[in-house]
Amino acid sequence: MIKQIKSSEIKKFIENNPETVLLDVRTENEWETIGKPDAKKLGIKSYFITISQDPSFLDNVKQNINKKNQVLVICAAGGRSIIAANLLAEEGYKTLNVSDGFSGNNQEPGWKNSGLPSVIDN
């Protein structure tokens, strides 16, 4: 079972787990139009590797992210990221799903609306 974390809990989690990295699995279009989490401002690395229709997703993750890192997996609202988190857990990664995603869901506001740092690359 993948552990869930809300965006509102991320700052405290990172303080207690400095080896954490953020993996955003949304599409390039989403990153460009909706924005990206700016995890660097929280003191951690972030990776942008889309899971949508990408057969090389796991290979790309393995090339970039060390299994010693705790991986926060995020998408728009928590659906794709739980799939990605499960795939990574099967490969031996320590994963947490950001349950409210970048944009939020019906219960929680998400990364962007929780006051966490974000950018839009246009």
PDB file of N, CA and C in Angstrom:
ATOM      1  N   MET A   1       0.847  -1.193   0.000  1.00  0.00           N
ATOM      2  CA  MET A   1       0.000   0.000   0.000  1.00  0.00           C
ATOM      3  C   MET A   1       0.890   1.254   0.000  1.00  0.00           C
ATOM      4  N   ILE A   2       0.659   2.118  -0.938  1.00  0.00           N
ATOM      5  CA  ILE A   2       1.439   3.349  -1.046  1.00  0.00           C
ATOM      6  C   ILE A   2       0.932   4.357  -0.010  1.00  0.00           C
ATOM      7  N   LYS A   3       1.871   4.953   0.698  1.00  0.00           N
ATOM      8  CA  LYS A   3       1.511   5.997   1.663  1.00  0.00           C
ATOM      9  C   LYS A   3       1.063   7.238   0.905  1.00  0.00           C
ATOM     10  N   GLN A   4       0.123   7.949   1.499  1.00  0.00           N
ATOM     11  CA  GLN A   4      -0.419   9.174   0.920  1.00  0.00           C
ATOM     12  C   GLN A   4       0.083  10.371   1.733  1.00  0.00           C
ATOM     13  N   ILE A   5       0.315  11.480   1.058  1.00  0.00           N
ATOM     14  CA  ILE A   5       0.678  12.718   1.736  1.00  0.00           C
ATOM     15  C   ILE A   5      -0.077  13.857   1.065  1.00  0.00           C
ATOM     16  N   LYS A   6      -0.594  14.772   1.867  1.00  0.00           N
ATOM     17  CA  LYS A   6      -1.272  15.948   1.332  1.00  0.00           C
ATOM     18  C   LYS A   6      -0.240  17.042   1.106  1.00  0.00           C
ATOM     19  N   SER A   7      -0.508  17.923   0.184  1.00  0.00           N
ATOM     20  CA  SER A   7       0.401  19.033  -0.080  1.00  0.00           C
ATOM     21  C   SER A   7       0.676  19.848   1.182  1.00  0.00           C
ATOM     22  N   SER A   8      -0.333  19.997   2.010  1.00  0.00           N
ATOM     23  CA  SER A   8      -0.169  20.776   3.245  1.00  0.00           C
ATOM     24  C   SER A   8       0.835  20.152   4.214  1.00  0.00           C
ATOM     25  N   GLU A   9       1.186  18.891   4.013  1.00  0.00           N
ATOM     26  CA  GLU A   9       2.125  18.191   4.906  1.00  0.00           C
ATOM     27  C   GLU A   9       3.546  18.105   4.333  1.00  0.00           C
ATOM     28  N   ILE A  10       3.733  18.587   3.113  1.00  0.00           N
ATOM     29  CA  ILE A  10       5.001  18.369   2.414  1.00  0.00           C
ATOM     30  C   ILE A  10       6.180  19.097   3.057  1.00  0.00           C
ATOM     31  N   LYS A  11       6.022  20.360   3.422  1.00  0.00           N
ATOM     32  CA  LYS A  11       7.144  21.107   4.009  1.00  0.00           C
ATOM     33  C   LYS A  11       7.697  20.400   5.239  1.00  0.00           C
ATOM     34  N   LYS A  12       6.824  19.995   6.130  1.00  0.00           N
ATOM     35  CA  LYS A  12       7.257  19.317   7.355  1.00  0.00           C
ATOM     36  C   LYS A  12       7.911  17.975   7.015  1.00  0.00           C
ATOM     37  N   PHE A  13       7.350  17.256   6.060  1.00  0.00           N
ATOM     38  CA  PHE A  13       7.912  15.972   5.660  1.00  0.00           C
ATOM     39  C   PHE A  13       9.338  16.148   5.145  1.00  0.00           C
ATOM     40  N   ILE A  14       9.555  17.155   4.304  1.00  0.00           N
ATOM     41  CA  ILE A  14      10.875  17.400   3.735  1.00  0.00           C
ATOM     42  C   ILE A  14      11.880  17.771   4.837  1.00  0.00           C
ATOM     43  N   GLU A  15      11.436  18.557   5.800  1.00  0.00           N
ATOM     44  CA  GLU A  15      12.320  18.917   6.922  1.00  0.00           C
ATOM     45  C   GLU A  15      12.828  17.667   7.630  1.00  0.00           C
ATOM     46  N   ASN A  16      11.972  16.674   7.775  1.00  0.00           N
ATOM     47  CA  ASN A  16      12.328  15.436   8.466  1.00  0.00           C
ATOM     48  C   ASN A  16      12.956  14.393   7.547  1.00  0.00           C
ATOM     49  N   ASN A  17      12.881  14.605   6.244  1.00  0.00           N
ATOM     50  CA  ASN A  17      13.393  13.649   5.249  1.00  0.00           C
ATOM     51  C   ASN A  17      14.137  14.407   4.151  1.00  0.00           C
ATOM     52  N   PRO A  18      15.333  14.922   4.441  1.00  0.00           N
ATOM     53  CA  PRO A  18      16.035  15.776   3.479  1.00  0.00           C
ATOM     54  C   PRO A  18      16.511  15.056   2.211  1.00  0.00           C
ATOM     55  N   GLU A  19      16.486  13.740   2.174  1.00  0.00           N
ATOM     56  CA  GLU A  19      16.879  12.989   0.978  1.00  0.00           C
ATOM     57  C   GLU A  19      15.704  12.804   0.013  1.00  0.00           C
ATOM     58  N   THR A  20      14.635  13.504   0.268  1.00  0.00           N
ATOM     59  CA  THR A  20      13.434  13.412  -0.564  1.00  0.00           C
ATOM     60  C   THR A  20      13.654  14.079  -1.920  1.00  0.00           C
ATOM     61  N   VAL A  21      13.030  13.521  -2.961  1.00  0.00           N
ATOM     62  CA  VAL A  21      12.964  14.158  -4.280  1.00  0.00           C
ATOM     63  C   VAL A  21      11.496  14.177  -4.707  1.00  0.00           C
ATOM     64  N   LEU A  22      11.187  15.081  -5.620  1.00  0.00           N
ATOM     65  CA  LEU A  22       9.826  15.195  -6.149  1.00  0.00           C
ATOM     66  C   LEU A  22       9.826  14.722  -7.593  1.00  0.00           C
ATOM     67  N   LEU A  23       8.870  13.873  -7.934  1.00  0.00           N
ATOM     68  CA  LEU A  23       8.701  13.388  -9.304  1.00  0.00           C
ATOM     69  C   LEU A  23       7.322  13.788  -9.803  1.00  0.00           C
ATOM     70  N   ASP A  24       7.297  14.677 -10.789  1.00  0.00           N
ATOM     71  CA  ASP A  24       6.048  15.127 -11.406  1.00  0.00           C
ATOM     72  C   ASP A  24       5.831  14.307 -12.674  1.00  0.00           C
ATOM     73  N   VAL A  25       4.731  13.553 -12.718  1.00  0.00           N
ATOM     74  CA  VAL A  25       4.473  12.630 -13.831  1.00  0.00           C
ATOM     75  C   VAL A  25       3.436  13.151 -14.821  1.00  0.00           C
ATOM     76  N   ARG A  26       3.087  14.440 -14.727  1.00  0.00           N
ATOM     77  CA  ARG A  26       2.117  15.011 -15.661  1.00  0.00           C
ATOM     78  C   ARG A  26       2.733  15.167 -17.054  1.00  0.00           C
ATOM     79  N   THR A  27       1.978  15.717 -17.969  1.00  0.00           N
ATOM     80  CA  THR A  27       2.453  15.897 -19.345  1.00  0.00           C
ATOM     81  C   THR A  27       3.186  17.230 -19.499  1.00  0.00           C
ATOM     82  N   GLU A  28       3.977  17.317 -20.561  1.00  0.00           N
ATOM     83  CA  GLU A  28       4.695  18.555 -20.857  1.00  0.00           C
ATOM     84  C   GLU A  28       3.723  19.718 -21.039  1.00  0.00           C
ATOM     85  N   ASN A  29       2.583  19.469 -21.673  1.00  0.00           N
ATOM     86  CA  ASN A  29       1.572  20.513 -21.849  1.00  0.00           C
ATOM     87  C   ASN A  29       1.080  21.037 -20.497  1.00  0.00           C
ATOM     88  N   GLU A  30       0.869  20.141 -19.546  1.00  0.00           N
ATOM     89  CA  GLU A  30       0.428  20.571 -18.207  1.00  0.00           C
ATOM     90  C   GLU A  30       1.497  21.417 -17.529  1.00  0.00           C
ATOM     91  N   TRP A  31       2.757  21.007 -17.655  1.00  0.00           N
ATOM     92  CA  TRP A  31       3.839  21.774 -17.031  1.00  0.00           C
ATOM     93  C   TRP A  31       3.909  23.179 -17.604  1.00  0.00           C
ATOM     94  N   GLU A  32       3.713  23.283 -18.928  1.00  0.00           N
ATOM     95  CA  GLU A  32       3.829  24.572 -19.598  1.00  0.00           C
ATOM     96  C   GLU A  32       2.631  25.481 -19.363  1.00  0.00           C
ATOM     97  N   THR A  33       1.426  24.913 -19.255  1.00  0.00           N
ATOM     98  CA  THR A  33       0.229  25.748 -19.148  1.00  0.00           C
ATOM     99  C   THR A  33      -0.281  25.936 -17.720  1.00  0.00           C
ATOM    100  N   ILE A  34      -0.132  24.924 -16.884  1.00  0.00           N
ATOM    101  CA  ILE A  34      -0.658  24.993 -15.519  1.00  0.00           C
ATOM    102  C   ILE A  34       0.439  25.370 -14.530  1.00  0.00           C
ATOM    103  N   GLY A  35       1.656  24.957 -14.825  1.00  0.00           N
ATOM    104  CA  GLY A  35       2.788  25.283 -13.967  1.00  0.00           C
ATOM    105  C   GLY A  35       3.473  24.048 -13.427  1.00  0.00           C
ATOM    106  N   LYS A  36       4.612  24.281 -12.792  1.00  0.00           N
ATOM    107  CA  LYS A  36       5.417  23.211 -12.210  1.00  0.00           C
ATOM    108  C   LYS A  36       5.671  23.513 -10.737  1.00  0.00           C
ATOM    109  N   PRO A  37       5.756  22.470  -9.922  1.00  0.00           N
ATOM    110  CA  PRO A  37       6.194  22.699  -8.553  1.00  0.00           C
ATOM    111  C   PRO A  37       7.666  23.125  -8.569  1.00  0.00           C
ATOM    112  N   ASP A  38       8.014  24.123  -7.781  1.00  0.00           N
ATOM    113  CA  ASP A  38       9.391  24.599  -7.686  1.00  0.00           C
ATOM    114  C   ASP A  38       9.996  24.043  -6.395  1.00  0.00           C
ATOM    115  N   ALA A  39      10.277  22.739  -6.416  1.00  0.00           N
ATOM    116  CA  ALA A  39      10.767  22.045  -5.224  1.00  0.00           C
ATOM    117  C   ALA A  39      12.137  22.540  -4.795  1.00  0.00           C
ATOM    118  N   LYS A  40      12.890  23.118  -5.727  1.00  0.00           N
ATOM    119  CA  LYS A  40      14.213  23.655  -5.397  1.00  0.00           C
ATOM    120  C   LYS A  40      14.105  24.682  -4.260  1.00  0.00           C
ATOM    121  N   LYS A  41      13.019  25.448  -4.250  1.00  0.00           N
ATOM    122  CA  LYS A  41      12.817  26.442  -3.186  1.00  0.00           C
ATOM    123  C   LYS A  41      12.538  25.789  -1.835  1.00  0.00           C
ATOM    124  N   LEU A  42      12.219  24.488  -1.856  1.00  0.00           N
ATOM    125  CA  LEU A  42      12.025  23.741  -0.613  1.00  0.00           C
ATOM    126  C   LEU A  42      13.285  22.942  -0.257  1.00  0.00           C
ATOM    127  N   GLY A  43      14.313  23.080  -1.087  1.00  0.00           N
ATOM    128  CA  GLY A  43      15.582  22.431  -0.811  1.00  0.00           C
ATOM    129  C   GLY A  43      15.729  21.012  -1.332  1.00  0.00           C
ATOM    130  N   ILE A  44      14.853  20.618  -2.266  1.00  0.00           N
ATOM    131  CA  ILE A  44      14.953  19.260  -2.827  1.00  0.00           C
ATOM    132  C   ILE A  44      14.977  19.325  -4.348  1.00  0.00           C
ATOM    133  N   LYS A  45      15.437  18.245  -4.955  1.00  0.00           N
ATOM    134  CA  LYS A  45      15.449  18.143  -6.412  1.00  0.00           C
ATOM    135  C   LYS A  45      14.075  17.722  -6.907  1.00  0.00           C
ATOM    136  N   SER A  46      13.767  18.153  -8.119  1.00  0.00           N
ATOM    137  CA  SER A  46      12.534  17.698  -8.751  1.00  0.00           C
ATOM    138  C   SER A  46      12.854  17.148 -10.131  1.00  0.00           C
ATOM    139  N   TYR A  47      12.053  16.184 -10.526  1.00  0.00           N
ATOM    140  CA  TYR A  47      12.194  15.535 -11.819  1.00  0.00           C
ATOM    141  C   TYR A  47      10.849  15.586 -12.519  1.00  0.00           C
ATOM    142  N   PHE A  48      10.882  15.785 -13.824  1.00  0.00           N
ATOM    143  CA  PHE A  48       9.669  15.879 -14.626  1.00  0.00           C
ATOM    144  C   PHE A  48       9.733  14.787 -15.679  1.00  0.00           C
ATOM    145  N   ILE A  49       9.073  13.663 -15.382  1.00  0.00           N
ATOM    146  CA  ILE A  49       9.083  12.501 -16.268  1.00  0.00           C
ATOM    147  C   ILE A  49       7.633  12.051 -16.441  1.00  0.00           C
ATOM    148  N   THR A  50       7.085  12.292 -17.609  1.00  0.00           N
ATOM    149  CA  THR A  50       5.674  11.977 -17.831  1.00  0.00           C
ATOM    150  C   THR A  50       5.433  10.467 -17.863  1.00  0.00           C
ATOM    151  N   ILE A  51       4.314  10.069 -17.295  1.00  0.00           N
ATOM    152  CA  ILE A  51       3.937   8.654 -17.319  1.00  0.00           C
ATOM    153  C   ILE A  51       2.962   8.369 -18.464  1.00  0.00           C
ATOM    154  N   SER A  52       2.288   9.388 -18.962  1.00  0.00           N
ATOM    155  CA  SER A  52       1.249   9.210 -19.980  1.00  0.00           C
ATOM    156  C   SER A  52       1.797   8.644 -21.276  1.00  0.00           C
ATOM    157  N   GLN A  53       1.353   7.458 -21.634  1.00  0.00           N
ATOM    158  CA  GLN A  53       1.681   6.850 -22.919  1.00  0.00           C
ATOM    159  C   GLN A  53       3.192   6.717 -23.145  1.00  0.00           C
ATOM    160  N   ASP A  54       3.975   6.626 -22.073  1.00  0.00           N
ATOM    161  CA  ASP A  54       5.426   6.585 -22.225  1.00  0.00           C
ATOM    162  C   ASP A  54       5.980   5.245 -21.776  1.00  0.00           C
ATOM    163  N   PRO A  55       6.341   4.378 -22.725  1.00  0.00           N
ATOM    164  CA  PRO A  55       6.857   3.066 -22.351  1.00  0.00           C
ATOM    165  C   PRO A  55       8.230   3.130 -21.672  1.00  0.00           C
ATOM    166  N   SER A  56       8.930   4.260 -21.817  1.00  0.00           N
ATOM    167  CA  SER A  56      10.256   4.382 -21.214  1.00  0.00           C
ATOM    168  C   SER A  56      10.214   5.057 -19.845  1.00  0.00           C
ATOM    169  N   PHE A  57       9.030   5.206 -19.265  1.00  0.00           N
ATOM    170  CA  PHE A  57       8.890   5.882 -17.973  1.00  0.00           C
ATOM    171  C   PHE A  57       9.822   5.299 -16.918  1.00  0.00           C
ATOM    172  N   LEU A  58       9.762   3.991 -16.694  1.00  0.00           N
ATOM    173  CA  LEU A  58      10.598   3.373 -15.656  1.00  0.00           C
ATOM    174  C   LEU A  58      12.082   3.523 -15.966  1.00  0.00           C
ATOM    175  N   ASP A  59      12.464   3.369 -17.220  1.00  0.00           N
ATOM    176  CA  ASP A  59      13.869   3.544 -17.591  1.00  0.00           C
ATOM    177  C   ASP A  59      14.339   4.964 -17.300  1.00  0.00           C
ATOM    178  N   ASN A  60      13.517   5.945 -17.625  1.00  0.00           N
ATOM    179  CA  ASN A  60      13.867   7.347 -17.358  1.00  0.00           C
ATOM    180  C   ASN A  60      14.019   7.607 -15.863  1.00  0.00           C
ATOM    181  N   VAL A  61      13.132   7.033 -15.066  1.00  0.00           N
ATOM    182  CA  VAL A  61      13.233   7.200 -13.617  1.00  0.00           C
ATOM    183  C   VAL A  61      14.520   6.557 -13.115  1.00  0.00           C
ATOM    184  N   LYS A  62      14.788   5.334 -13.549  1.00  0.00           N
ATOM    185  CA  LYS A  62      15.988   4.615 -13.091  1.00  0.00           C
ATOM    186  C   LYS A  62      17.271   5.355 -13.443  1.00  0.00           C
ATOM    187  N   GLN A  63      17.282   6.053 -14.565  1.00  0.00           N
ATOM    188  CA  GLN A  63      18.465   6.804 -14.987  1.00  0.00           C
ATOM    189  C   GLN A  63      18.671   8.066 -14.163  1.00  0.00           C
ATOM    190  N   ASN A  64      17.620   8.557 -13.522  1.00  0.00           N
ATOM    191  CA  ASN A  64      17.693   9.852 -12.854  1.00  0.00           C
ATOM    192  C   ASN A  64      17.558   9.819 -11.332  1.00  0.00           C
ATOM    193  N   ILE A  65      16.809   8.881 -10.801  1.00  0.00           N
ATOM    194  CA  ILE A  65      16.485   8.908  -9.377  1.00  0.00           C
ATOM    195  C   ILE A  65      17.078   7.692  -8.675  1.00  0.00           C
ATOM    196  N   ASN A  66      17.800   7.952  -7.609  1.00  0.00           N
ATOM    197  CA  ASN A  66      18.431   6.912  -6.804  1.00  0.00           C
ATOM    198  C   ASN A  66      17.400   6.283  -5.875  1.00  0.00           C
ATOM    199  N   LYS A  67      17.491   4.980  -5.695  1.00  0.00           N
ATOM    200  CA  LYS A  67      16.531   4.276  -4.829  1.00  0.00           C
ATOM    201  C   LYS A  67      16.687   4.640  -3.352  1.00  0.00           C
ATOM    202  N   LYS A  68      17.792   5.282  -2.985  1.00  0.00           N
ATOM    203  CA  LYS A  68      17.960   5.687  -1.585  1.00  0.00           C
ATOM    204  C   LYS A  68      17.073   6.882  -1.242  1.00  0.00           C
ATOM    205  N   ASN A  69      16.647   7.609  -2.269  1.00  0.00           N
ATOM    206  CA  ASN A  69      15.796   8.775  -2.057  1.00  0.00           C
ATOM    207  C   ASN A  69      14.346   8.392  -1.771  1.00  0.00           C
ATOM    208  N   GLN A  70      13.720   9.153  -0.906  1.00  0.00           N
ATOM    209  CA  GLN A  70      12.273   9.075  -0.728  1.00  0.00           C
ATOM    210  C   GLN A  70      11.683   9.857  -1.893  1.00  0.00           C
ATOM    211  N   VAL A  71      10.726   9.288  -2.626  1.00  0.00           N
ATOM    212  CA  VAL A  71      10.179   9.934  -3.817  1.00  0.00           C
ATOM    213  C   VAL A  71       8.728  10.361  -3.573  1.00  0.00           C
ATOM    214  N   LEU A  72       8.494  11.676  -3.638  1.00  0.00           N
ATOM    215  CA  LEU A  72       7.132  12.202  -3.616  1.00  0.00           C
ATOM    216  C   LEU A  72       6.668  12.229  -5.060  1.00  0.00           C
ATOM    217  N   VAL A  73       5.600  11.521  -5.374  1.00  0.00           N
ATOM    218  CA  VAL A  73       5.104  11.444  -6.752  1.00  0.00           C
ATOM    219  C   VAL A  73       3.845  12.303  -6.849  1.00  0.00           C
ATOM    220  N   ILE A  74       3.838  13.186  -7.849  1.00  0.00           N
ATOM    221  CA  ILE A  74       2.732  14.133  -7.999  1.00  0.00           C
ATOM    222  C   ILE A  74       2.232  14.156  -9.434  1.00  0.00           C
ATOM    223  N   CYS A  75       0.923  14.362  -9.588  1.00  0.00           N
ATOM    224  CA  CYS A  75       0.322  14.610 -10.903  1.00  0.00           C
ATOM    225  C   CYS A  75      -0.654  15.767 -10.717  1.00  0.00           C
ATOM    226  N   ALA A  76      -1.721  15.815 -11.460  1.00  0.00           N
ATOM    227  CA  ALA A  76      -2.663  16.924 -11.337  1.00  0.00           C
ATOM    228  C   ALA A  76      -3.524  16.812 -10.077  1.00  0.00           C
ATOM    229  N   ALA A  77      -4.114  15.632  -9.858  1.00  0.00           N
ATOM    230  CA  ALA A  77      -5.035  15.476  -8.729  1.00  0.00           C
ATOM    231  C   ALA A  77      -4.841  14.188  -7.936  1.00  0.00           C
ATOM    232  N   GLY A  78      -3.825  13.399  -8.235  1.00  0.00           N
ATOM    233  CA  GLY A  78      -3.530  12.203  -7.456  1.00  0.00           C
ATOM    234  C   GLY A  78      -3.778  10.871  -8.139  1.00  0.00           C
ATOM    235  N   GLY A  79      -4.377  10.863  -9.318  1.00  0.00           N
ATOM    236  CA  GLY A  79      -4.704   9.614 -10.004  1.00  0.00           C
ATOM    237  C   GLY A  79      -3.526   8.962 -10.712  1.00  0.00           C
ATOM    238  N   ARG A  80      -2.873   9.710 -11.585  1.00  0.00           N
ATOM    239  CA  ARG A  80      -1.714   9.160 -12.305  1.00  0.00           C
ATOM    240  C   ARG A  80      -0.541   8.921 -11.359  1.00  0.00           C
ATOM    241  N   SER A  81      -0.407   9.778 -10.360  1.00  0.00           N
ATOM    242  CA  SER A  81       0.736   9.640  -9.451  1.00  0.00           C
ATOM    243  C   SER A  81       0.641   8.372  -8.611  1.00  0.00           C
ATOM    244  N   ILE A  82      -0.547   7.927  -8.258  1.00  0.00           N
ATOM    245  CA  ILE A  82      -0.657   6.682  -7.487  1.00  0.00           C
ATOM    246  C   ILE A  82      -0.253   5.499  -8.369  1.00  0.00           C
ATOM    247  N   ILE A  83      -0.588   5.547  -9.655  1.00  0.00           N
ATOM    248  CA  ILE A  83      -0.156   4.496 -10.581  1.00  0.00           C
ATOM    249  C   ILE A  83       1.363   4.487 -10.676  1.00  0.00           C
ATOM    250  N   ALA A  84       1.953   5.670 -10.856  1.00  0.00           N
ATOM    251  CA  ALA A  84       3.409   5.781 -10.945  1.00  0.00           C
ATOM    252  C   ALA A  84       4.075   5.333  -9.648  1.00  0.00           C
ATOM    253  N   ALA A  85       3.523   5.749  -8.510  1.00  0.00           N
ATOM    254  CA  ALA A  85       4.095   5.371  -7.214  1.00  0.00           C
ATOM    255  C   ALA A  85       4.086   3.854  -7.039  1.00  0.00           C
ATOM    256  N   ASN A  86       3.019   3.207  -7.460  1.00  0.00           N
ATOM    257  CA  ASN A  86       2.948   1.744  -7.382  1.00  0.00           C
ATOM    258  C   ASN A  86       3.985   1.080  -8.289  1.00  0.00           C
ATOM    259  N   LEU A  87       4.125   1.583  -9.514  1.00  0.00           N
ATOM    260  CA  LEU A  87       5.130   1.040 -10.426  1.00  0.00           C
ATOM    261  C   LEU A  87       6.533   1.167  -9.828  1.00  0.00           C
ATOM    262  N   LEU A  88       6.811   2.321  -9.253  1.00  0.00           N
ATOM    263  CA  LEU A  88       8.134   2.552  -8.665  1.00  0.00           C
ATOM    264  C   LEU A  88       8.357   1.701  -7.421  1.00  0.00           C
ATOM    265  N   ALA A  89       7.332   1.536  -6.615  1.00  0.00           N
ATOM    266  CA  ALA A  89       7.450   0.700  -5.417  1.00  0.00           C
ATOM    267  C   ALA A  89       7.775  -0.742  -5.806  1.00  0.00           C
ATOM    268  N   GLU A  90       7.184  -1.213  -6.886  1.00  0.00           N
ATOM    269  CA  GLU A  90       7.474  -2.567  -7.379  1.00  0.00           C
ATOM    270  C   GLU A  90       8.939  -2.708  -7.800  1.00  0.00           C
ATOM    271  N   GLU A  91       9.575  -1.585  -8.141  1.00  0.00           N
ATOM    272  CA  GLU A  91      10.982  -1.576  -8.550  1.00  0.00           C
ATOM    273  C   GLU A  91      11.923  -1.311  -7.365  1.00  0.00           C
ATOM    274  N   GLY A  92      11.354  -1.170  -6.170  1.00  0.00           N
ATOM    275  CA  GLY A  92      12.180  -0.982  -4.979  1.00  0.00           C
ATOM    276  C   GLY A  92      12.349   0.449  -4.510  1.00  0.00           C
ATOM    277  N   TYR A  93      11.612   1.386  -5.086  1.00  0.00           N
ATOM    278  CA  TYR A  93      11.669   2.779  -4.648  1.00  0.00           C
ATOM    279  C   TYR A  93      10.775   2.992  -3.432  1.00  0.00           C
ATOM    280  N   LYS A  94      11.159   3.953  -2.589  1.00  0.00           N
ATOM    281  CA  LYS A  94      10.344   4.369  -1.445  1.00  0.00           C
ATOM    282  C   LYS A  94       9.499   5.543  -1.927  1.00  0.00           C
ATOM    283  N   THR A  95       8.210   5.316  -2.072  1.00  0.00           N
ATOM    284  CA  THR A  95       7.350   6.334  -2.676  1.00  0.00           C
ATOM    285  C   THR A  95       6.230   6.779  -1.743  1.00  0.00           C
ATOM    286  N   LEU A  96       5.828   8.026  -1.935  1.00  0.00           N
ATOM    287  CA  LEU A  96       4.629   8.580  -1.328  1.00  0.00           C
ATOM    288  C   LEU A  96       3.848   9.259  -2.446  1.00  0.00           C
ATOM    289  N   ASN A  97       2.551   9.100  -2.439  1.00  0.00           N
ATOM    290  CA  ASN A  97       1.696   9.751  -3.422  1.00  0.00           C
ATOM    291  C   ASN A  97       1.191  11.071  -2.850  1.00  0.00           C
ATOM    292  N   VAL A  98       1.386  12.148  -3.600  1.00  0.00           N
ATOM    293  CA  VAL A  98       0.813  13.436  -3.211  1.00  0.00           C
ATOM    294  C   VAL A  98      -0.663  13.359  -3.584  1.00  0.00           C
ATOM    295  N   SER A  99      -1.488  13.080  -2.584  1.00  0.00           N
ATOM    296  CA  SER A  99      -2.882  12.703  -2.818  1.00  0.00           C
ATOM    297  C   SER A  99      -3.746  13.789  -3.440  1.00  0.00           C
ATOM    298  N   ASP A 100      -3.383  15.062  -3.242  1.00  0.00           N
ATOM    299  CA  ASP A 100      -4.188  16.141  -3.826  1.00  0.00           C
ATOM    300  C   ASP A 100      -3.520  16.747  -5.056  1.00  0.00           C
ATOM    301  N   GLY A 101      -2.379  16.202  -5.464  1.00  0.00           N
ATOM    302  CA  GLY A 101      -1.732  16.612  -6.701  1.00  0.00           C
ATOM    303  C   GLY A 101      -1.304  18.068  -6.748  1.00  0.00           C
ATOM    304  N   PHE A 102      -1.007  18.519  -7.951  1.00  0.00           N
ATOM    305  CA  PHE A 102      -0.565  19.896  -8.150  1.00  0.00           C
ATOM    306  C   PHE A 102      -1.745  20.866  -8.138  1.00  0.00           C
ATOM    307  N   SER A 103      -2.834  20.473  -8.758  1.00  0.00           N
ATOM    308  CA  SER A 103      -3.981  21.371  -8.919  1.00  0.00           C
ATOM    309  C   SER A 103      -5.064  21.201  -7.874  1.00  0.00           C
ATOM    310  N   GLY A 104      -5.014  20.115  -7.105  1.00  0.00           N
ATOM    311  CA  GLY A 104      -6.032  19.863  -6.087  1.00  0.00           C
ATOM    312  C   GLY A 104      -7.113  18.923  -6.564  1.00  0.00           C
ATOM    313  N   ASN A 105      -7.917  18.502  -5.612  1.00  0.00           N
ATOM    314  CA  ASN A 105      -9.055  17.625  -5.911  1.00  0.00           C
ATOM    315  C   ASN A 105     -10.250  18.114  -5.094  1.00  0.00           C
ATOM    316  N   ASN A 106     -11.287  17.339  -4.995  1.00  0.00           N
ATOM    317  CA  ASN A 106     -12.500  17.791  -4.293  1.00  0.00           C
ATOM    318  C   ASN A 106     -12.307  17.960  -2.790  1.00  0.00           C
ATOM    319  N   GLN A 107     -11.308  17.270  -2.209  1.00  0.00           N
ATOM    320  CA  GLN A 107     -11.103  17.340  -0.770  1.00  0.00           C
ATOM    321  C   GLN A 107      -9.996  18.307  -0.345  1.00  0.00           C
ATOM    322  N   GLU A 108      -8.939  18.411  -1.135  1.00  0.00           N
ATOM    323  CA  GLU A 108      -7.754  19.184  -0.745  1.00  0.00           C
ATOM    324  C   GLU A 108      -7.346  20.142  -1.868  1.00  0.00           C
ATOM    325  N   PRO A 109      -6.660  21.239  -1.517  1.00  0.00           N
ATOM    326  CA  PRO A 109      -6.347  22.272  -2.510  1.00  0.00           C
ATOM    327  C   PRO A 109      -5.220  21.969  -3.489  1.00  0.00           C
ATOM    328  N   GLY A 110      -4.319  21.054  -3.172  1.00  0.00           N
ATOM    329  CA  GLY A 110      -3.202  20.760  -4.065  1.00  0.00           C
ATOM    330  C   GLY A 110      -2.004  21.663  -3.817  1.00  0.00           C
ATOM    331  N   TRP A 111      -0.884  21.277  -4.431  1.00  0.00           N
ATOM    332  CA  TRP A 111       0.389  21.989  -4.269  1.00  0.00           C
ATOM    333  C   TRP A 111       0.240  23.483  -4.572  1.00  0.00           C
ATOM    334  N   LYS A 112      -0.276  23.786  -5.756  1.00  0.00           N
ATOM    335  CA  LYS A 112      -0.343  25.167  -6.247  1.00  0.00           C
ATOM    336  C   LYS A 112      -1.198  26.059  -5.342  1.00  0.00           C
ATOM    337  N   ASN A 113      -2.295  25.534  -4.846  1.00  0.00           N
ATOM    338  CA  ASN A 113      -3.222  26.324  -4.026  1.00  0.00           C
ATOM    339  C   ASN A 113      -2.922  26.243  -2.539  1.00  0.00           C
ATOM    340  N   SER A 114      -1.857  25.525  -2.165  1.00  0.00           N
ATOM    341  CA  SER A 114      -1.455  25.434  -0.761  1.00  0.00           C
ATOM    342  C   SER A 114      -0.338  26.410  -0.427  1.00  0.00           C
ATOM    343  N   GLY A 115       0.024  27.229  -1.396  1.00  0.00           N
ATOM    344  CA  GLY A 115       1.076  28.204  -1.166  1.00  0.00           C
ATOM    345  C   GLY A 115       2.482  27.654  -1.328  1.00  0.00           C
ATOM    346  N   LEU A 116       2.600  26.439  -1.853  1.00  0.00           N
ATOM    347  CA  LEU A 116       3.922  25.880  -2.117  1.00  0.00           C
ATOM    348  C   LEU A 116       4.475  26.527  -3.389  1.00  0.00           C
ATOM    349  N   PRO A 117       5.794  26.648  -3.509  1.00  0.00           N
ATOM    350  CA  PRO A 117       6.354  27.371  -4.654  1.00  0.00           C
ATOM    351  C   PRO A 117       6.104  26.652  -5.989  1.00  0.00           C
ATOM    352  N   SER A 118       5.738  27.454  -6.987  1.00  0.00           N
ATOM    353  CA  SER A 118       5.516  26.922  -8.316  1.00  0.00           C
ATOM    354  C   SER A 118       5.916  27.960  -9.361  1.00  0.00           C
ATOM    355  N   VAL A 119       6.141  27.492 -10.581  1.00  0.00           N
ATOM    356  CA  VAL A 119       6.522  28.356 -11.695  1.00  0.00           C
ATOM    357  C   VAL A 119       5.772  27.921 -12.937  1.00  0.00           C
ATOM    358  N   ILE A 120       5.650  28.858 -13.878  1.00  0.00           N
ATOM    359  CA  ILE A 120       5.127  28.527 -15.201  1.00  0.00           C
ATOM    360  C   ILE A 120       6.210  28.897 -16.199  1.00  0.00           C
ATOM    361  N   ASP A 121       6.597  27.930 -17.029  1.00  0.00           N
ATOM    362  CA  ASP A 121       7.614  28.150 -18.058  1.00  0.00           C
ATOM    363  C   ASP A 121       6.925  28.477 -19.370  1.00  0.00           C
ATOM    364  N   ASN A 122       6.849  29.715 -19.745  1.00  0.00           N
ATOM    365  CA  ASN A 122       6.274  30.073 -21.050  1.00  0.00           C
ATOM    366  C   ASN A 122       7.343  30.745 -21.864  1.00  0.00           C
TER     367      ASN A 122
END
